[in-house]
PDB file of N, CA and C in Angstrom:
ATOM      1  N   MET A   1      57.473  -0.252 -72.183  1.00  0.00           N
ATOM      2  CA  MET A   1      57.772  -0.751 -72.959  1.00  0.00           C
ATOM      3  C   MET A   1      58.453  -1.813 -73.998  1.00  0.00           C
ATOM      4  N   PRO A   2      57.911  -2.978 -74.934  1.00  0.00           N
ATOM      5  CA  PRO A   2      58.428  -3.537 -75.724  1.00  0.00           C
ATOM      6  C   PRO A   2      58.981  -2.606 -76.884  1.00  0.00           C
ATOM      7  N   ASN A   3      60.363  -3.153 -77.619  1.00  0.00           N
ATOM      8  CA  ASN A   3      61.096  -2.776 -78.694  1.00  0.00           C
ATOM      9  C   ASN A   3      59.946  -3.668 -80.110  1.00  0.00           C
ATOM     10  N   ASP A   4      59.478  -2.455 -80.577  1.00  0.00           N
ATOM     11  CA  ASP A   4      59.034  -3.602 -81.596  1.00  0.00           C
ATOM     12  C   ASP A   4      59.927  -3.749 -83.350  1.00  0.00           C
ATOM     13  N   ASN A   5      61.297  -3.476 -83.209  1.00  0.00           N
ATOM     14  CA  ASN A   5      61.915  -3.293 -84.005  1.00  0.00           C
ATOM     15  C   ASN A   5      63.026  -4.811 -84.021  1.00  0.00           C
ATOM     16  N   PRO A   6      62.688  -5.740 -85.184  1.00  0.00           N
ATOM     17  CA  PRO A   6      63.589  -6.420 -84.998  1.00  0.00           C
ATOM     18  C   PRO A   6      64.497  -6.359 -84.468  1.00  0.00           C
ATOM     19  N   ILE A   7      65.576  -5.860 -85.801  1.00  0.00           N
ATOM     20  CA  ILE A   7      66.773  -5.416 -85.524  1.00  0.00           C
ATOM     21  C   ILE A   7      67.413  -4.490 -84.363  1.00  0.00           C
ATOM     22  N   GLU A   8      66.101  -3.900 -83.869  1.00  0.00           N
ATOM     23  CA  GLU A   8      67.031  -3.197 -82.882  1.00  0.00           C
ATOM     24  C   GLU A   8      67.142  -3.711 -81.518  1.00  0.00           C
ATOM     25  N   ARG A   9      66.420  -5.159 -81.647  1.00  0.00           N
ATOM     26  CA  ARG A   9      65.880  -6.132 -80.213  1.00  0.00           C
ATOM     27  C   ARG A   9      67.158  -6.978 -80.569  1.00  0.00           C
ATOM     28  N   GLU A  10      67.661  -7.373 -81.643  1.00  0.00           N
ATOM     29  CA  GLU A  10      68.994  -8.047 -81.860  1.00  0.00           C
ATOM     30  C   GLU A  10      70.222  -7.630 -81.348  1.00  0.00           C
ATOM     31  N   HIS A  11      70.218  -6.412 -81.811  1.00  0.00           N
ATOM     32  CA  HIS A  11      72.089  -5.553 -81.847  1.00  0.00           C
ATOM     33  C   HIS A  11      71.750  -4.457 -81.013  1.00  0.00           C
ATOM     34  N   PRO A  12      70.801  -4.173 -79.284  1.00  0.00           N
ATOM     35  CA  PRO A  12      70.532  -3.351 -78.604  1.00  0.00           C
ATOM     36  C   PRO A  12      71.620  -2.580 -78.310  1.00  0.00           C
ATOM     37  N   ASN A  13      73.095  -2.828 -78.856  1.00  0.00           N
ATOM     38  CA  ASN A  13      74.081  -2.113 -78.510  1.00  0.00           C
ATOM     39  C   ASN A  13      74.784  -1.789 -79.701  1.00  0.00           C
ATOM     40  N   ASP A  14      74.586  -1.817 -80.712  1.00  0.00           N
ATOM     41  CA  ASP A  14      75.697  -1.883 -81.554  1.00  0.00           C
ATOM     42  C   ASP A  14      75.074  -0.933 -82.446  1.00  0.00           C
ATOM     43  N   PRO A  15      75.259   0.599 -81.933  1.00  0.00           N
ATOM     44  CA  PRO A  15      75.034   2.212 -82.734  1.00  0.00           C
ATOM     45  C   PRO A  15      75.483   1.526 -84.087  1.00  0.00           C
ATOM     46  N   LEU A  16      75.677   1.139 -85.022  1.00  0.00           N
ATOM     47  CA  LEU A  16      75.937   0.845 -86.324  1.00  0.00           C
ATOM     48  C   LEU A  16      75.706  -0.241 -87.186  1.00  0.00           C
ATOM     49  N   HIS A  17      74.653  -1.021 -86.487  1.00  0.00           N
ATOM     50  CA  HIS A  17      74.233  -1.723 -87.489  1.00  0.00           C
ATOM     51  C   HIS A  17      72.811  -1.801 -87.717  1.00  0.00           C
ATOM     52  N   GLY A  18      73.172  -2.231 -88.791  1.00  0.00           N
ATOM     53  CA  GLY A  18      71.678  -1.139 -90.554  1.00  0.00           C
ATOM     54  C   GLY A  18      72.217  -0.018 -90.628  1.00  0.00           C
ATOM     55  N   VAL A  19      73.341   0.368 -90.048  1.00  0.00           N
ATOM     56  CA  VAL A  19      73.728   1.649 -90.913  1.00  0.00           C
ATOM     57  C   VAL A  19      74.839   1.406 -92.084  1.00  0.00           C
ATOM     58  N   THR A  20      74.454   2.087 -93.149  1.00  0.00           N
ATOM     59  CA  THR A  20      75.592   1.701 -94.325  1.00  0.00           C
ATOM     60  C   THR A  20      76.442   3.396 -93.787  1.00  0.00           C
ATOM     61  N   LEU A  21      77.965   3.003 -94.970  1.00  0.00           N
ATOM     62  CA  LEU A  21      78.957   3.811 -94.696  1.00  0.00           C
ATOM     63  C   LEU A  21      78.596   5.220 -95.429  1.00  0.00           C
ATOM     64  N   GLU A  22      77.667   4.418 -96.384  1.00  0.00           N
ATOM     65  CA  GLU A  22      77.286   6.395 -97.017  1.00  0.00           C
ATOM     66  C   GLU A  22      76.278   7.185 -96.560  1.00  0.00           C
ATOM     67  N   ALA A  23      75.407   6.210 -94.931  1.00  0.00           N
ATOM     68  CA  ALA A  23      74.682   6.926 -94.574  1.00  0.00           C
ATOM     69  C   ALA A  23      75.226   7.866 -93.438  1.00  0.00           C
ATOM     70  N   MET A  24      76.114   6.913 -92.967  1.00  0.00           N
ATOM     71  CA  MET A  24      77.295   7.672 -91.868  1.00  0.00           C
ATOM     72  C   MET A  24      78.106   8.661 -92.251  1.00  0.00           C
ATOM     73  N   LEU A  25      78.185   9.019 -93.309  1.00  0.00           N
ATOM     74  CA  LEU A  25      78.895   9.651 -94.253  1.00  0.00           C
ATOM     75  C   LEU A  25      78.156  10.744 -94.536  1.00  0.00           C
ATOM     76  N   THR A  26      77.517  10.451 -94.824  1.00  0.00           N
ATOM     77  CA  THR A  26      76.110  11.985 -95.958  1.00  0.00           C
ATOM     78  C   THR A  26      75.535  12.296 -94.163  1.00  0.00           C
ATOM     79  N   ARG A  27      75.530  11.421 -93.223  1.00  0.00           N
ATOM     80  CA  ARG A  27      75.427  12.544 -91.822  1.00  0.00           C
ATOM     81  C   ARG A  27      76.526  13.600 -91.085  1.00  0.00           C
ATOM     82  N   LEU A  28      77.383  12.677 -91.329  1.00  0.00           N
ATOM     83  CA  LEU A  28      78.546  13.451 -90.973  1.00  0.00           C
ATOM     84  C   LEU A  28      79.022  14.436 -92.058  1.00  0.00           C
ATOM     85  N   VAL A  29      78.643  14.715 -93.282  1.00  0.00           N
ATOM     86  CA  VAL A  29      79.380  15.660 -93.605  1.00  0.00           C
ATOM     87  C   VAL A  29      77.895  16.659 -93.321  1.00  0.00           C
ATOM     88  N   ASP A  30      76.885  16.865 -93.006  1.00  0.00           N
ATOM     89  CA  ASP A  30      75.563  17.201 -93.440  1.00  0.00           C
ATOM     90  C   ASP A  30      76.128  18.309 -91.455  1.00  0.00           C
ATOM     91  N   GLU A  31      76.025  17.341 -90.767  1.00  0.00           N
ATOM     92  CA  GLU A  31      76.597  17.175 -89.222  1.00  0.00           C
ATOM     93  C   GLU A  31      77.678  18.066 -89.426  1.00  0.00           C
ATOM     94  N   TYR A  32      79.066  18.213 -89.723  1.00  0.00           N
ATOM     95  CA  TYR A  32      80.000  19.010 -89.545  1.00  0.00           C
ATOM     96  C   TYR A  32      80.372  19.875 -90.919  1.00  0.00           C
ATOM     97  N   GLY A  33      80.209  19.090 -92.085  1.00  0.00           N
ATOM     98  CA  GLY A  33      80.425  19.466 -93.432  1.00  0.00           C
ATOM     99  C   GLY A  33      82.020  19.351 -93.738  1.00  0.00           C
ATOM    100  N   TRP A  34      82.395  19.847 -94.729  1.00  0.00           N
ATOM    101  CA  TRP A  34      83.842  18.154 -95.398  1.00  0.00           C
ATOM    102  C   TRP A  34      84.866  19.066 -94.632  1.00  0.00           C
ATOM    103  N   ASP A  35      84.631  20.627 -94.865  1.00  0.00           N
ATOM    104  CA  ASP A  35      86.159  21.255 -94.056  1.00  0.00           C
ATOM    105  C   ASP A  35      86.450  20.863 -92.103  1.00  0.00           C
ATOM    106  N   ASP A  36      84.922  21.064 -91.870  1.00  0.00           N
ATOM    107  CA  ASP A  36      85.560  21.075 -90.333  1.00  0.00           C
ATOM    108  C   ASP A  36      85.359  19.322 -89.887  1.00  0.00           C
ATOM    109  N   LEU A  37      84.485  18.362 -91.013  1.00  0.00           N
ATOM    110  CA  LEU A  37      84.671  16.593 -91.243  1.00  0.00           C
ATOM    111  C   LEU A  37      86.290  16.716 -91.324  1.00  0.00           C
ATOM    112  N   ALA A  38      86.890  17.181 -92.402  1.00  0.00           N
ATOM    113  CA  ALA A  38      89.088  17.182 -92.836  1.00  0.00           C
ATOM    114  C   ALA A  38      89.241  17.550 -91.777  1.00  0.00           C
ATOM    115  N   SER A  39      89.340  18.240 -90.584  1.00  0.00           N
ATOM    116  CA  SER A  39      89.464  18.425 -89.485  1.00  0.00           C
ATOM    117  C   SER A  39      89.443  17.532 -88.521  1.00  0.00           C
ATOM    118  N   ARG A  40      88.550  17.100 -88.075  1.00  0.00           N
ATOM    119  CA  ARG A  40      88.394  16.187 -86.962  1.00  0.00           C
ATOM    120  C   ARG A  40      89.055  14.498 -87.790  1.00  0.00           C
ATOM    121  N   VAL A  41      89.108  13.966 -88.630  1.00  0.00           N
ATOM    122  CA  VAL A  41      89.153  12.781 -89.613  1.00  0.00           C
ATOM    123  C   VAL A  41      90.595  13.359 -89.870  1.00  0.00           C
ATOM    124  N   ARG A  42      91.712  13.069 -90.740  1.00  0.00           N
ATOM    125  CA  ARG A  42      92.930  13.542 -91.338  1.00  0.00           C
ATOM    126  C   ARG A  42      93.046  12.819 -92.319  1.00  0.00           C
ATOM    127  N   ILE A  43      92.449  12.709 -93.521  1.00  0.00           N
ATOM    128  CA  ILE A  43      91.996  11.509 -94.649  1.00  0.00           C
ATOM    129  C   ILE A  43      91.966  13.207 -95.718  1.00  0.00           C
ATOM    130  N   ASN A  44      93.151  12.825 -96.716  1.00  0.00           N
ATOM    131  CA  ASN A  44      93.173  13.426 -97.450  1.00  0.00           C
ATOM    132  C   ASN A  44      91.530  13.504 -98.887  1.00  0.00           C
ATOM    133  N   CYS A  45      90.667  12.517 -98.727  1.00  0.00           N
ATOM    134  CA  CYS A  45      89.438  12.337 -99.594  1.00  0.00           C
ATOM    135  C   CYS A  45      88.715  13.260 -99.055  1.00  0.00           C
ATOM    136  N   PHE A  46      88.210  13.721 -97.485  1.00  0.00           N
ATOM    137  CA  PHE A  46      88.162  14.777 -96.626  1.00  0.00           C
ATOM    138  C   PHE A  46      88.430  16.276 -97.233  1.00  0.00           C
ATOM    139  N   ALA A  47      89.687  16.620 -97.326  1.00  0.00           N
ATOM    140  CA  ALA A  47      90.065  17.653 -97.813  1.00  0.00           C
ATOM    141  C   ALA A  47      90.338  18.079 -99.218  1.00  0.00           C
ATOM    142  N   ASN A  48      90.667  17.285 -99.986  1.00  0.00           N
ATOM    143  CA  ASN A  48      90.666  17.808-101.362  1.00  0.00           C
ATOM    144  C   ASN A  48      89.840  17.312-102.180  1.00  0.00           C
ATOM    145  N   ASP A  49      89.030  18.367-102.924  1.00  0.00           N
ATOM    146  CA  ASP A  49      87.871  18.075-103.549  1.00  0.00           C
ATOM    147  C   ASP A  49      86.827  16.581-103.179  1.00  0.00           C
ATOM    148  N   PRO A  50      86.888  17.035-101.885  1.00  0.00           N
ATOM    149  CA  PRO A  50      85.711  16.131-101.278  1.00  0.00           C
ATOM    150  C   PRO A  50      83.931  15.120-102.387  1.00  0.00           C
ATOM    151  N   SER A  51      84.221  14.463-102.309  1.00  0.00           N
ATOM    152  CA  SER A  51      82.898  13.959-102.832  1.00  0.00           C
ATOM    153  C   SER A  51      82.289  12.631-101.748  1.00  0.00           C
ATOM    154  N   ILE A  52      81.240  12.191-101.078  1.00  0.00           N
ATOM    155  CA  ILE A  52      80.482  11.223-100.982  1.00  0.00           C
ATOM    156  C   ILE A  52      81.417  10.053-102.166  1.00  0.00           C
ATOM    157  N   LYS A  53      80.965   9.943-103.011  1.00  0.00           N
ATOM    158  CA  LYS A  53      81.754   8.708-103.727  1.00  0.00           C
ATOM    159  C   LYS A  53      83.012   8.520-104.121  1.00  0.00           C
ATOM    160  N   SER A  54      83.866   9.566-104.075  1.00  0.00           N
ATOM    161  CA  SER A  54      85.262   8.966-103.773  1.00  0.00           C
ATOM    162  C   SER A  54      85.752   8.694-102.194  1.00  0.00           C
ATOM    163  N   SER A  55      85.094   9.150-101.657  1.00  0.00           N
ATOM    164  CA  SER A  55      85.209   9.013 -99.920  1.00  0.00           C
ATOM    165  C   SER A  55      85.130   7.235 -99.754  1.00  0.00           C
ATOM    166  N   LEU A  56      83.947   7.249-100.407  1.00  0.00           N
ATOM    167  CA  LEU A  56      83.243   5.709 -99.706  1.00  0.00           C
ATOM    168  C   LEU A  56      84.148   5.509-100.798  1.00  0.00           C
ATOM    169  N   LYS A  57      84.850   4.641-102.033  1.00  0.00           N
ATOM    170  CA  LYS A  57      85.695   4.386-102.399  1.00  0.00           C
ATOM    171  C   LYS A  57      87.076   3.791-101.760  1.00  0.00           C
ATOM    172  N   PHE A  58      86.968   5.330-100.985  1.00  0.00           N
ATOM    173  CA  PHE A  58      88.255   5.114 -99.957  1.00  0.00           C
ATOM    174  C   PHE A  58      88.508   4.401 -98.858  1.00  0.00           C
ATOM    175  N   LEU A  59      86.970   4.864 -98.507  1.00  0.00           N
ATOM    176  CA  LEU A  59      87.251   4.544 -97.296  1.00  0.00           C
ATOM    177  C   LEU A  59      87.005   2.690 -96.864  1.00  0.00           C
ATOM    178  N   ARG A  60      86.369   2.165 -97.967  1.00  0.00           N
ATOM    179  CA  ARG A  60      86.464   0.665 -98.163  1.00  0.00           C
ATOM    180  C   ARG A  60      87.153   0.003 -98.579  1.00  0.00           C
ATOM    181  N   LYS A  61      88.477   0.844 -98.882  1.00  0.00           N
ATOM    182  CA  LYS A  61      90.016   0.747 -99.147  1.00  0.00           C
ATOM    183  C   LYS A  61      90.636   0.301 -97.234  1.00  0.00           C
ATOM    184  N   THR A  62      90.457   1.357 -96.721  1.00  0.00           N
ATOM    185  CA  THR A  62      91.251   1.374 -95.986  1.00  0.00           C
ATOM    186  C   THR A  62      90.560   1.014 -94.173  1.00  0.00           C
ATOM    187  N   PRO A  63      90.858   0.289 -93.805  1.00  0.00           N
ATOM    188  CA  PRO A  63      89.780  -0.443 -92.575  1.00  0.00           C
ATOM    189  C   PRO A  63      90.314   0.826 -91.529  1.00  0.00           C
ATOM    190  N   TRP A  64      91.447   1.678 -91.759  1.00  0.00           N
ATOM    191  CA  TRP A  64      91.791   2.721 -89.809  1.00  0.00           C
ATOM    192  C   TRP A  64      90.789   3.525 -90.420  1.00  0.00           C
ATOM    193  N   ALA A  65      91.053   3.863 -91.605  1.00  0.00           N
ATOM    194  CA  ALA A  65      90.397   5.268 -91.921  1.00  0.00           C
ATOM    195  C   ALA A  65      88.675   5.080 -91.614  1.00  0.00           C
ATOM    196  N   ARG A  66      87.991   4.049 -91.890  1.00  0.00           N
ATOM    197  CA  ARG A  66      86.990   4.150 -91.726  1.00  0.00           C
ATOM    198  C   ARG A  66      86.400   3.621 -90.210  1.00  0.00           C
ATOM    199  N   LYS A  67      87.589   3.264 -89.676  1.00  0.00           N
ATOM    200  CA  LYS A  67      87.374   2.352 -88.340  1.00  0.00           C
ATOM    201  C   LYS A  67      87.086   4.102 -87.276  1.00  0.00           C
ATOM    202  N   LYS A  68      87.647   5.424 -87.582  1.00  0.00           N
ATOM    203  CA  LYS A  68      87.767   6.489 -87.724  1.00  0.00           C
ATOM    204  C   LYS A  68      86.248   7.735 -88.170  1.00  0.00           C
ATOM    205  N   VAL A  69      86.283   7.070 -88.994  1.00  0.00           N
ATOM    206  CA  VAL A  69      85.110   7.356 -89.252  1.00  0.00           C
ATOM    207  C   VAL A  69      83.197   6.752 -88.595  1.00  0.00           C
ATOM    208  N   GLU A  70      83.846   5.727 -88.375  1.00  0.00           N
ATOM    209  CA  GLU A  70      83.148   4.901 -87.968  1.00  0.00           C
ATOM    210  C   GLU A  70      82.805   5.704 -85.996  1.00  0.00           C
ATOM    211  N   ASP A  71      83.903   5.682 -85.966  1.00  0.00           N
ATOM    212  CA  ASP A  71      83.866   6.295 -83.688  1.00  0.00           C
ATOM    213  C   ASP A  71      83.639   8.353 -83.998  1.00  0.00           C
ATOM    214  N   LEU A  72      83.510   8.815 -85.360  1.00  0.00           N
ATOM    215  CA  LEU A  72      83.262   9.294 -85.043  1.00  0.00           C
ATOM    216  C   LEU A  72      81.455   9.863 -85.012  1.00  0.00           C
ATOM    217  N   TYR A  73      80.965   9.020 -86.036  1.00  0.00           N
ATOM    218  CA  TYR A  73      79.992   8.857 -86.380  1.00  0.00           C
ATOM    219  C   TYR A  73      79.247   8.697 -84.756  1.00  0.00           C
ATOM    220  N   LYS A  74      79.917   7.595 -84.128  1.00  0.00           N
ATOM    221  CA  LYS A  74      79.377   6.770 -82.754  1.00  0.00           C
ATOM    222  C   LYS A  74      79.169   7.643 -81.944  1.00  0.00           C
ATOM    223  N   ALA A  75      79.905   9.300 -81.424  1.00  0.00           N
ATOM    224  CA  ALA A  75      81.281  10.093 -80.740  1.00  0.00           C
ATOM    225  C   ALA A  75      79.309  10.814 -81.289  1.00  0.00           C
ATOM    226  N   THR A  76      79.311  11.452 -82.087  1.00  0.00           N
ATOM    227  CA  THR A  76      77.714  12.212 -83.157  1.00  0.00           C
ATOM    228  C   THR A  76      76.696  11.864 -82.117  1.00  0.00           C
ATOM    229  N   LEU A  77      76.604  10.617 -82.219  1.00  0.00           N
ATOM    230  CA  LEU A  77      75.051  10.245 -81.906  1.00  0.00           C
ATOM    231  C   LEU A  77      74.656  10.594 -80.647  1.00  0.00           C
ATOM    232  N   ARG A  78      76.273  10.792 -79.796  1.00  0.00           N
ATOM    233  CA  ARG A  78      75.601  10.518 -78.455  1.00  0.00           C
ATOM    234  C   ARG A  78      74.557  12.077 -77.805  1.00  0.00           C
TER     235      ARG A  78
END
């Protein structure tokens, strides 16, 4: 059956295409909770008074941390 979603047709092998950082982070928090997320991705914004807003601010400025979050998100999809 052909794929009717044009976004998925253009990027069929990129699970991050069209997914915002906020959506990724929200899903990870829903899946693991802040404590487990902080143990999986060792960054302070997940361990000390975590919030979506503060974490997004940090992740947008810190490429290595964003990569770790993206990698965990991709692993969670499997």
